Amino acid sequence: MLSVGEVARRAGLTTKALRHYDHLGLFAPQVVSADGYRWYAEDQLATAVTIARLRALDVPLEAIRALLAGAGEDEARRLLTRHRSALQARDNRIRRALHSLDHLLNHERGVVMAMTDTQPPSVPDERELARTLFNHTWTLLEKESRSADEDERMIHTAHASRFHWDNVGDDQNRAVGEWQCSRVYATLGRAEPALYHARRCLGYADRPGMEVWLMASAYEGLARAQAVAGDFEAARDSRSRAVALAETVGDAEDRKIVIADIDTLPIP
């Protein structure tokens, strides 16, 4: 038999966590002695290691409970895919906040002036409407638990933003709009439209006068769509192109944003 301290040490958990999991009925010891000491069987160590590994990935306890209860391959994949989507949304939200903070810190009029700038007009012009729809799409992308209706709304707002950029934007705006449409479909696991919009983004990014970061982002978007389609060989090639281009981006902030996106690609 192994003591709670020994299991904690060998599994990479804490004794406090093991006691907590016992109270929740998630992972109980083999024996609890009369004086309250917990003792675990040797063959329980593998379960403790599994719990530690999943908790290190921030998998919720209820999902871990289902996995330990003997969820089949399909159910386990569904649970972990849902958790991955939540992490991706959280990552999108954090990177957007970091990007906004960088703009605030680098504002030419100073942080205080940037914080007190007047709000946009209550009735935005078409350019402002395109930006608002783009940002609302990101808000939905960042949401950890979207409903089916919100998934549909996210598709519509991405396309609406892209439509307005077609009227009032330039090729860079159009490329970014196509990139966002592809990202939305990739997030929803819809390979065909994700690939379609990723290739359109690449077409705009390849036009004369476009900046390198845009081409790097285009290949990142294409790699993401190819991964969703299960074409990992093509996805790795596109990722390599994205990395090579990102390394040549002169602006440090633009380079950081592109590389952060590349780092989230779901490519084995």
C-alpha atoms as a PDB file:
ATOM      1  CA  MET A   1       0.000   0.000   0.000  1.00  0.00           C
ATOM      2  CA  LEU A   2       1.092   3.550  -0.732  1.00  0.00           C
ATOM      3  CA  SER A   3       0.575   6.520   1.563  1.00  0.00           C
ATOM      4  CA  VAL A   4      -1.125   9.671   0.321  1.00  0.00           C
ATOM      5  CA  GLY A   5       2.249  11.435   0.373  1.00  0.00           C
ATOM      6  CA  GLU A   6       3.897   8.720  -1.722  1.00  0.00           C
ATOM      7  CA  VAL A   7       1.095   8.788  -4.319  1.00  0.00           C
ATOM      8  CA  ALA A   8       1.253  12.573  -4.445  1.00  0.00           C
ATOM      9  CA  ARG A   9       5.018  12.520  -4.983  1.00  0.00           C
ATOM     10  CA  ARG A  10       5.017   9.817  -7.642  1.00  0.00           C
ATOM     11  CA  ALA A  11       1.989  11.149  -9.552  1.00  0.00           C
ATOM     12  CA  GLY A  12       2.935  14.828  -9.440  1.00  0.00           C
ATOM     13  CA  LEU A  13      -0.043  15.886  -7.352  1.00  0.00           C
ATOM     14  CA  THR A  14      -0.362  17.416  -3.891  1.00  0.00           C
ATOM     15  CA  THR A  15      -1.733  15.665  -0.828  1.00  0.00           C
ATOM     16  CA  LYS A  16      -4.323  18.438  -0.592  1.00  0.00           C
ATOM     17  CA  ALA A  17      -5.488  17.682  -4.143  1.00  0.00           C
ATOM     18  CA  LEU A  18      -5.746  13.957  -3.402  1.00  0.00           C
ATOM     19  CA  ARG A  19      -7.849  14.632  -0.317  1.00  0.00           C
ATOM     20  CA  HIS A  20     -10.041  16.958  -2.376  1.00  0.00           C
ATOM     21  CA  TYR A  21     -10.531  14.311  -5.078  1.00  0.00           C
ATOM     22  CA  ASP A  22     -11.488  11.817  -2.375  1.00  0.00           C
ATOM     23  CA  HIS A  23     -14.097  14.195  -0.927  1.00  0.00           C
ATOM     24  CA  LEU A  24     -15.526  14.688  -4.441  1.00  0.00           C
ATOM     25  CA  GLY A  25     -15.692  10.960  -5.034  1.00  0.00           C
ATOM     26  CA  LEU A  26     -13.365  11.300  -8.008  1.00  0.00           C
ATOM     27  CA  PHE A  27     -10.444   9.244  -6.715  1.00  0.00           C
ATOM     28  CA  ALA A  28     -10.831   7.412  -3.433  1.00  0.00           C
ATOM     29  CA  PRO A  29      -8.077   5.560  -1.542  1.00  0.00           C
ATOM     30  CA  GLN A  30      -8.209   1.808  -1.191  1.00  0.00           C
ATOM     31  CA  VAL A  31      -8.299   2.083   2.608  1.00  0.00           C
ATOM     32  CA  VAL A  32      -8.844   4.837   5.170  1.00  0.00           C
ATOM     33  CA  SER A  33      -7.468   3.760   8.535  1.00  0.00           C
ATOM     34  CA  ALA A  34      -9.198   4.392  11.849  1.00  0.00           C
ATOM     35  CA  ASP A  35      -6.944   7.364  12.493  1.00  0.00           C
ATOM     36  CA  GLY A  36      -7.857   8.911   9.105  1.00  0.00           C
ATOM     37  CA  TYR A  37      -4.780   8.018   7.056  1.00  0.00           C
ATOM     38  CA  ARG A  38      -5.399   7.302   3.386  1.00  0.00           C
ATOM     39  CA  TRP A  39      -3.728   4.298   1.739  1.00  0.00           C
ATOM     40  CA  TYR A  40      -3.716   3.537  -1.976  1.00  0.00           C
ATOM     41  CA  ALA A  41      -3.093   0.317  -3.839  1.00  0.00           C
ATOM     42  CA  GLU A  42      -0.084   0.209  -6.153  1.00  0.00           C
ATOM     43  CA  ASP A  43      -2.310  -0.234  -9.199  1.00  0.00           C
ATOM     44  CA  GLN A  44      -4.126   3.041  -8.374  1.00  0.00           C
ATOM     45  CA  LEU A  45      -0.999   5.020  -9.175  1.00  0.00           C
ATOM     46  CA  ALA A  46      -1.693   4.925 -12.922  1.00  0.00           C
ATOM     47  CA  THR A  47      -5.078   6.591 -12.325  1.00  0.00           C
ATOM     48  CA  ALA A  48      -3.434   9.277 -10.188  1.00  0.00           C
ATOM     49  CA  VAL A  49      -0.914   9.945 -12.971  1.00  0.00           C
ATOM     50  CA  THR A  50      -3.757  10.236 -15.504  1.00  0.00           C
ATOM     51  CA  ILE A  51      -5.583  12.732 -13.288  1.00  0.00           C
ATOM     52  CA  ALA A  52      -2.409  14.778 -12.858  1.00  0.00           C
ATOM     53  CA  ARG A  53      -1.801  14.824 -16.604  1.00  0.00           C
ATOM     54  CA  LEU A  54      -5.368  15.939 -17.374  1.00  0.00           C
ATOM     55  CA  ARG A  55      -5.376  18.587 -14.627  1.00  0.00           C
ATOM     56  CA  ALA A  56      -2.107  19.955 -16.029  1.00  0.00           C
ATOM     57  CA  LEU A  57      -4.095  20.506 -19.234  1.00  0.00           C
ATOM     58  CA  ASP A  58      -6.857  22.286 -17.251  1.00  0.00           C
ATOM     59  CA  VAL A  59      -9.382  19.556 -18.101  1.00  0.00           C
ATOM     60  CA  PRO A  60     -12.446  20.117 -15.840  1.00  0.00           C
ATOM     61  CA  LEU A  61     -12.996  17.635 -13.036  1.00  0.00           C
ATOM     62  CA  GLU A  62     -16.375  16.548 -14.396  1.00  0.00           C
ATOM     63  CA  ALA A  63     -14.767  15.674 -17.731  1.00  0.00           C
ATOM     64  CA  ILE A  64     -12.045  13.752 -15.889  1.00  0.00           C
ATOM     65  CA  ARG A  65     -14.744  11.898 -13.934  1.00  0.00           C
ATOM     66  CA  ALA A  66     -16.383  10.831 -17.203  1.00  0.00           C
ATOM     67  CA  LEU A  67     -13.064   9.745 -18.679  1.00  0.00           C
ATOM     68  CA  LEU A  68     -12.173   7.707 -15.596  1.00  0.00           C
ATOM     69  CA  ALA A  69     -15.621   6.121 -15.633  1.00  0.00           C
ATOM     70  CA  GLY A  70     -14.717   4.413 -18.886  1.00  0.00           C
ATOM     71  CA  ALA A  71     -15.795   6.808 -21.641  1.00  0.00           C
ATOM     72  CA  GLY A  72     -15.296   5.219 -25.037  1.00  0.00           C
ATOM     73  CA  GLU A  73     -12.967   6.566 -27.705  1.00  0.00           C
ATOM     74  CA  ASP A  74     -15.639   8.743 -29.333  1.00  0.00           C
ATOM     75  CA  GLU A  75     -16.880  10.198 -26.037  1.00  0.00           C
ATOM     76  CA  ALA A  76     -13.327  10.829 -24.811  1.00  0.00           C
ATOM     77  CA  ARG A  77     -12.515  12.606 -28.061  1.00  0.00           C
ATOM     78  CA  ARG A  78     -15.694  14.683 -27.782  1.00  0.00           C
ATOM     79  CA  LEU A  79     -14.901  15.733 -24.202  1.00  0.00           C
ATOM     80  CA  LEU A  80     -11.306  16.665 -24.976  1.00  0.00           C
ATOM     81  CA  THR A  81     -12.279  18.447 -28.209  1.00  0.00           C
ATOM     82  CA  ARG A  82     -14.817  20.530 -26.296  1.00  0.00           C
ATOM     83  CA  HIS A  83     -12.168  21.378 -23.710  1.00  0.00           C
ATOM     84  CA  ARG A  84      -9.719  22.312 -26.459  1.00  0.00           C
ATOM     85  CA  SER A  85     -12.313  24.683 -27.948  1.00  0.00           C
ATOM     86  CA  ALA A  86     -12.725  26.339 -24.555  1.00  0.00           C
ATOM     87  CA  LEU A  87      -8.946  26.753 -24.218  1.00  0.00           C
ATOM     88  CA  GLN A  88      -8.731  28.158 -27.746  1.00  0.00           C
ATOM     89  CA  ALA A  89     -11.449  30.683 -26.921  1.00  0.00           C
ATOM     90  CA  ARG A  90      -9.601  31.651 -23.749  1.00  0.00           C
ATOM     91  CA  ASP A  91      -6.366  32.016 -25.698  1.00  0.00           C
ATOM     92  CA  ASN A  92      -8.096  34.196 -28.302  1.00  0.00           C
ATOM     93  CA  ARG A  93      -9.485  36.401 -25.542  1.00  0.00           C
ATOM     94  CA  ILE A  94      -6.115  36.784 -23.801  1.00  0.00           C
ATOM     95  CA  ARG A  95      -4.229  37.549 -27.013  1.00  0.00           C
ATOM     96  CA  ARG A  96      -6.849  40.123 -27.998  1.00  0.00           C
ATOM     97  CA  ALA A  97      -6.482  41.768 -24.587  1.00  0.00           C
ATOM     98  CA  LEU A  98      -2.678  41.767 -24.948  1.00  0.00           C
ATOM     99  CA  HIS A  99      -2.968  43.276 -28.409  1.00  0.00           C
ATOM    100  CA  SER A 100      -5.278  46.030 -27.119  1.00  0.00           C
ATOM    101  CA  LEU A 101      -2.945  46.714 -24.191  1.00  0.00           C
ATOM    102  CA  ASP A 102       0.017  47.003 -26.555  1.00  0.00           C
ATOM    103  CA  HIS A 103      -1.884  49.583 -28.596  1.00  0.00           C
ATOM    104  CA  LEU A 104      -2.778  51.435 -25.419  1.00  0.00           C
ATOM    105  CA  LEU A 105       0.815  51.444 -24.166  1.00  0.00           C
ATOM    106  CA  ASN A 106       2.157  52.521 -27.565  1.00  0.00           C
ATOM    107  CA  HIS A 107      -0.456  55.228 -28.158  1.00  0.00           C
ATOM    108  CA  GLU A 108       1.310  58.289 -29.476  1.00  0.00           C
ATOM    109  CA  ARG A 109      -0.745  60.606 -27.266  1.00  0.00           C
ATOM    110  CA  GLY A 110       0.009  58.624 -24.131  1.00  0.00           C
ATOM    111  CA  VAL A 111      -1.869  56.083 -22.053  1.00  0.00           C
ATOM    112  CA  VAL A 112      -4.009  58.634 -20.199  1.00  0.00           C
ATOM    113  CA  MET A 113      -5.116  60.340 -23.420  1.00  0.00           C
ATOM    114  CA  ALA A 114      -5.858  56.992 -25.065  1.00  0.00           C
ATOM    115  CA  MET A 115      -8.004  55.955 -22.097  1.00  0.00           C
ATOM    116  CA  THR A 116     -10.031  59.148 -22.227  1.00  0.00           C
ATOM    117  CA  ASP A 117     -10.557  59.318 -25.995  1.00  0.00           C
ATOM    118  CA  THR A 118     -14.146  60.068 -26.962  1.00  0.00           C
ATOM    119  CA  GLN A 119     -16.326  57.118 -27.883  1.00  0.00           C
ATOM    120  CA  PRO A 120     -17.233  56.465 -31.528  1.00  0.00           C
ATOM    121  CA  PRO A 121     -20.500  57.995 -32.764  1.00  0.00           C
ATOM    122  CA  SER A 122     -23.689  56.182 -31.846  1.00  0.00           C
ATOM    123  CA  VAL A 123     -24.509  55.699 -35.547  1.00  0.00           C
ATOM    124  CA  PRO A 124     -21.278  54.359 -37.052  1.00  0.00           C
ATOM    125  CA  ASP A 125     -20.265  54.826 -40.657  1.00  0.00           C
ATOM    126  CA  GLU A 126     -19.701  51.740 -42.789  1.00  0.00           C
ATOM    127  CA  ARG A 127     -16.020  51.464 -41.904  1.00  0.00           C
ATOM    128  CA  GLU A 128     -16.857  51.607 -38.215  1.00  0.00           C
ATOM    129  CA  LEU A 129     -19.605  49.047 -38.777  1.00  0.00           C
ATOM    130  CA  ALA A 130     -17.119  46.684 -40.452  1.00  0.00           C
ATOM    131  CA  ARG A 131     -14.782  47.013 -37.464  1.00  0.00           C
ATOM    132  CA  THR A 132     -17.621  46.514 -34.977  1.00  0.00           C
ATOM    133  CA  LEU A 133     -18.786  43.341 -36.701  1.00  0.00           C
ATOM    134  CA  PHE A 134     -15.200  42.057 -36.888  1.00  0.00           C
ATOM    135  CA  ASN A 135     -14.730  42.638 -33.157  1.00  0.00           C
ATOM    136  CA  HIS A 136     -18.091  41.068 -32.324  1.00  0.00           C
ATOM    137  CA  THR A 137     -17.050  37.969 -34.252  1.00  0.00           C
ATOM    138  CA  TRP A 138     -13.926  37.780 -32.090  1.00  0.00           C
ATOM    139  CA  THR A 139     -16.046  38.153 -28.970  1.00  0.00           C
ATOM    140  CA  LEU A 140     -17.997  35.082 -30.029  1.00  0.00           C
ATOM    141  CA  LEU A 141     -14.801  33.213 -30.951  1.00  0.00           C
ATOM    142  CA  GLU A 142     -13.491  33.941 -27.461  1.00  0.00           C
ATOM    143  CA  LYS A 143     -16.627  32.641 -25.743  1.00  0.00           C
ATOM    144  CA  GLU A 144     -15.861  29.328 -24.060  1.00  0.00           C
ATOM    145  CA  SER A 145     -19.372  27.867 -24.306  1.00  0.00           C
ATOM    146  CA  ARG A 146     -21.272  29.036 -27.380  1.00  0.00           C
ATOM    147  CA  SER A 147     -24.778  27.901 -28.193  1.00  0.00           C
ATOM    148  CA  ALA A 148     -25.728  26.647 -31.658  1.00  0.00           C
ATOM    149  CA  ASP A 149     -27.436  29.991 -32.282  1.00  0.00           C
ATOM    150  CA  GLU A 150     -24.252  31.833 -31.336  1.00  0.00           C
ATOM    151  CA  ASP A 151     -22.253  29.650 -33.721  1.00  0.00           C
ATOM    152  CA  GLU A 152     -24.591  30.725 -36.530  1.00  0.00           C
ATOM    153  CA  ARG A 153     -24.404  34.362 -35.438  1.00  0.00           C
ATOM    154  CA  MET A 154     -20.610  34.174 -35.477  1.00  0.00           C
ATOM    155  CA  ILE A 155     -20.693  33.011 -39.101  1.00  0.00           C
ATOM    156  CA  HIS A 156     -23.065  35.815 -40.076  1.00  0.00           C
ATOM    157  CA  THR A 157     -21.104  38.585 -38.341  1.00  0.00           C
ATOM    158  CA  ALA A 158     -17.850  37.434 -39.944  1.00  0.00           C
ATOM    159  CA  HIS A 159     -19.414  37.498 -43.393  1.00  0.00           C
ATOM    160  CA  ALA A 160     -21.152  40.812 -42.700  1.00  0.00           C
ATOM    161  CA  SER A 161     -17.845  42.403 -41.681  1.00  0.00           C
ATOM    162  CA  ARG A 162     -16.197  41.011 -44.801  1.00  0.00           C
ATOM    163  CA  PHE A 163     -19.023  42.444 -46.939  1.00  0.00           C
ATOM    164  CA  HIS A 164     -18.606  45.949 -45.544  1.00  0.00           C
ATOM    165  CA  TRP A 165     -14.810  45.811 -45.952  1.00  0.00           C
ATOM    166  CA  ASP A 166     -15.436  45.040 -49.607  1.00  0.00           C
ATOM    167  CA  ASN A 167     -17.253  48.368 -49.868  1.00  0.00           C
ATOM    168  CA  VAL A 168     -14.995  50.647 -47.813  1.00  0.00           C
ATOM    169  CA  GLY A 169     -11.716  48.791 -47.232  1.00  0.00           C
ATOM    170  CA  ASP A 170      -8.597  47.913 -49.161  1.00  0.00           C
ATOM    171  CA  ASP A 171      -7.080  44.556 -50.110  1.00  0.00           C
ATOM    172  CA  GLN A 172      -5.495  44.230 -46.670  1.00  0.00           C
ATOM    173  CA  ASN A 173      -8.904  44.610 -45.017  1.00  0.00           C
ATOM    174  CA  ARG A 174     -10.353  42.074 -47.451  1.00  0.00           C
ATOM    175  CA  ALA A 175      -7.546  39.613 -46.729  1.00  0.00           C
ATOM    176  CA  VAL A 176      -8.051  39.923 -42.971  1.00  0.00           C
ATOM    177  CA  GLY A 177     -11.812  39.518 -43.454  1.00  0.00           C
ATOM    178  CA  GLU A 178     -11.276  36.302 -45.410  1.00  0.00           C
ATOM    179  CA  TRP A 179      -8.826  35.128 -42.741  1.00  0.00           C
ATOM    180  CA  GLN A 180     -11.442  35.677 -40.038  1.00  0.00           C
ATOM    181  CA  CYS A 181     -14.113  33.808 -42.005  1.00  0.00           C
ATOM    182  CA  SER A 182     -11.699  30.883 -42.377  1.00  0.00           C
ATOM    183  CA  ARG A 183     -10.880  31.000 -38.650  1.00  0.00           C
ATOM    184  CA  VAL A 184     -14.571  30.876 -37.758  1.00  0.00           C
ATOM    185  CA  TYR A 185     -15.218  27.841 -39.931  1.00  0.00           C
ATOM    186  CA  ALA A 186     -12.055  26.106 -38.704  1.00  0.00           C
ATOM    187  CA  THR A 187     -13.152  26.689 -35.115  1.00  0.00           C
ATOM    188  CA  LEU A 188     -16.499  25.089 -35.956  1.00  0.00           C
ATOM    189  CA  GLY A 189     -14.760  22.126 -37.619  1.00  0.00           C
ATOM    190  CA  ARG A 190     -16.108  22.929 -41.094  1.00  0.00           C
ATOM    191  CA  ALA A 191     -13.201  22.181 -43.386  1.00  0.00           C
ATOM    192  CA  GLU A 192     -14.557  23.047 -46.831  1.00  0.00           C
ATOM    193  CA  PRO A 193     -15.511  26.705 -46.168  1.00  0.00           C
ATOM    194  CA  ALA A 194     -12.427  27.129 -43.949  1.00  0.00           C
ATOM    195  CA  LEU A 195     -10.216  26.094 -46.877  1.00  0.00           C
ATOM    196  CA  TYR A 196     -12.155  28.250 -49.329  1.00  0.00           C
ATOM    197  CA  HIS A 197     -11.749  31.440 -47.315  1.00  0.00           C
ATOM    198  CA  ALA A 198      -8.137  30.645 -46.377  1.00  0.00           C
ATOM    199  CA  ARG A 199      -7.262  30.405 -50.072  1.00  0.00           C
ATOM    200  CA  ARG A 200      -9.081  33.662 -50.794  1.00  0.00           C
ATOM    201  CA  CYS A 201      -7.079  35.291 -48.006  1.00  0.00           C
ATOM    202  CA  LEU A 202      -3.889  33.955 -49.574  1.00  0.00           C
ATOM    203  CA  GLY A 203      -4.940  35.378 -52.936  1.00  0.00           C
ATOM    204  CA  TYR A 204      -5.344  38.873 -51.508  1.00  0.00           C
ATOM    205  CA  ALA A 205      -2.158  38.624 -49.428  1.00  0.00           C
ATOM    206  CA  ASP A 206      -0.178  37.702 -52.554  1.00  0.00           C
ATOM    207  CA  ARG A 207      -1.088  40.932 -54.345  1.00  0.00           C
ATOM    208  CA  PRO A 208       1.577  43.623 -54.897  1.00  0.00           C
ATOM    209  CA  GLY A 209       2.200  45.939 -51.965  1.00  0.00           C
ATOM    210  CA  MET A 210       0.932  43.593 -49.254  1.00  0.00           C
ATOM    211  CA  GLU A 211       3.008  43.335 -46.059  1.00  0.00           C
ATOM    212  CA  VAL A 212       4.870  40.179 -45.089  1.00  0.00           C
ATOM    213  CA  TRP A 213       2.887  39.645 -41.863  1.00  0.00           C
ATOM    214  CA  LEU A 214      -0.285  39.333 -43.929  1.00  0.00           C
ATOM    215  CA  MET A 215       1.170  36.556 -46.083  1.00  0.00           C
ATOM    216  CA  ALA A 216       2.429  34.803 -42.949  1.00  0.00           C
ATOM    217  CA  SER A 217      -1.071  34.999 -41.439  1.00  0.00           C
ATOM    218  CA  ALA A 218      -2.578  33.735 -44.681  1.00  0.00           C
ATOM    219  CA  TYR A 219      -0.426  30.601 -44.564  1.00  0.00           C
ATOM    220  CA  GLU A 220      -1.240  30.176 -40.863  1.00  0.00           C
ATOM    221  CA  GLY A 221      -4.957  30.301 -41.726  1.00  0.00           C
ATOM    222  CA  LEU A 222      -4.461  27.831 -44.565  1.00  0.00           C
ATOM    223  CA  ALA A 223      -2.548  25.452 -42.275  1.00  0.00           C
ATOM    224  CA  ARG A 224      -5.385  25.609 -39.727  1.00  0.00           C
ATOM    225  CA  ALA A 225      -7.991  24.830 -42.381  1.00  0.00           C
ATOM    226  CA  GLN A 226      -5.901  21.973 -43.799  1.00  0.00           C
ATOM    227  CA  ALA A 227      -5.532  20.529 -40.302  1.00  0.00           C
ATOM    228  CA  VAL A 228      -9.297  20.620 -39.806  1.00  0.00           C
ATOM    229  CA  ALA A 229      -9.623  18.810 -43.143  1.00  0.00           C
ATOM    230  CA  GLY A 230      -7.204  16.140 -41.871  1.00  0.00           C
ATOM    231  CA  ASP A 231      -4.551  16.938 -44.488  1.00  0.00           C
ATOM    232  CA  PHE A 232      -1.684  17.190 -41.998  1.00  0.00           C
ATOM    233  CA  GLU A 233       1.080  16.890 -44.601  1.00  0.00           C
ATOM    234  CA  ALA A 234      -0.187  19.998 -46.393  1.00  0.00           C
ATOM    235  CA  ALA A 235      -0.825  21.684 -43.031  1.00  0.00           C
ATOM    236  CA  ARG A 236       2.792  21.151 -41.961  1.00  0.00           C
ATOM    237  CA  ASP A 237       4.022  22.626 -45.239  1.00  0.00           C
ATOM    238  CA  SER A 238       1.797  25.695 -44.832  1.00  0.00           C
ATOM    239  CA  ARG A 239       2.890  26.059 -41.207  1.00  0.00           C
ATOM    240  CA  SER A 240       6.550  25.964 -42.290  1.00  0.00           C
ATOM    241  CA  ARG A 241       5.871  28.706 -44.828  1.00  0.00           C
ATOM    242  CA  ALA A 242       4.077  30.760 -42.181  1.00  0.00           C
ATOM    243  CA  VAL A 243       6.970  30.377 -39.724  1.00  0.00           C
ATOM    244  CA  ALA A 244       9.576  31.311 -42.350  1.00  0.00           C
ATOM    245  CA  LEU A 245       7.631  34.431 -43.322  1.00  0.00           C
ATOM    246  CA  ALA A 246       6.878  35.398 -39.709  1.00  0.00           C
ATOM    247  CA  GLU A 247      10.579  35.376 -38.892  1.00  0.00           C
ATOM    248  CA  THR A 248      11.125  38.098 -41.524  1.00  0.00           C
ATOM    249  CA  VAL A 249       8.411  40.449 -40.204  1.00  0.00           C
ATOM    250  CA  GLY A 250      10.139  43.655 -39.145  1.00  0.00           C
ATOM    251  CA  ASP A 251       7.566  44.992 -36.698  1.00  0.00           C
ATOM    252  CA  ALA A 252       7.942  43.162 -33.371  1.00  0.00           C
ATOM    253  CA  GLU A 253       4.254  43.441 -32.434  1.00  0.00           C
ATOM    254  CA  ASP A 254       3.042  42.115 -35.798  1.00  0.00           C
ATOM    255  CA  ARG A 255       5.568  39.274 -35.607  1.00  0.00           C
ATOM    256  CA  LYS A 256       4.453  38.362 -32.086  1.00  0.00           C
ATOM    257  CA  ILE A 257       0.779  38.218 -33.094  1.00  0.00           C
ATOM    258  CA  VAL A 258       1.423  35.991 -36.104  1.00  0.00           C
ATOM    259  CA  ILE A 259       3.684  33.614 -34.180  1.00  0.00           C
ATOM    260  CA  ALA A 260       1.113  33.370 -31.372  1.00  0.00           C
ATOM    261  CA  ASP A 261      -1.466  32.244 -33.938  1.00  0.00           C
ATOM    262  CA  ILE A 262       0.962  29.741 -35.460  1.00  0.00           C
ATOM    263  CA  ASP A 263       1.616  28.281 -32.008  1.00  0.00           C
ATOM    264  CA  THR A 264      -2.079  27.376 -31.628  1.00  0.00           C
ATOM    265  CA  LEU A 265      -2.271  25.328 -34.836  1.00  0.00           C
ATOM    266  CA  PRO A 266      -3.783  21.877 -34.106  1.00  0.00           C
ATOM    267  CA  ILE A 267      -1.136  19.970 -36.065  1.00  0.00           C
ATOM    268  CA  PRO A 268       0.417  16.806 -34.574  1.00  0.00           C
END
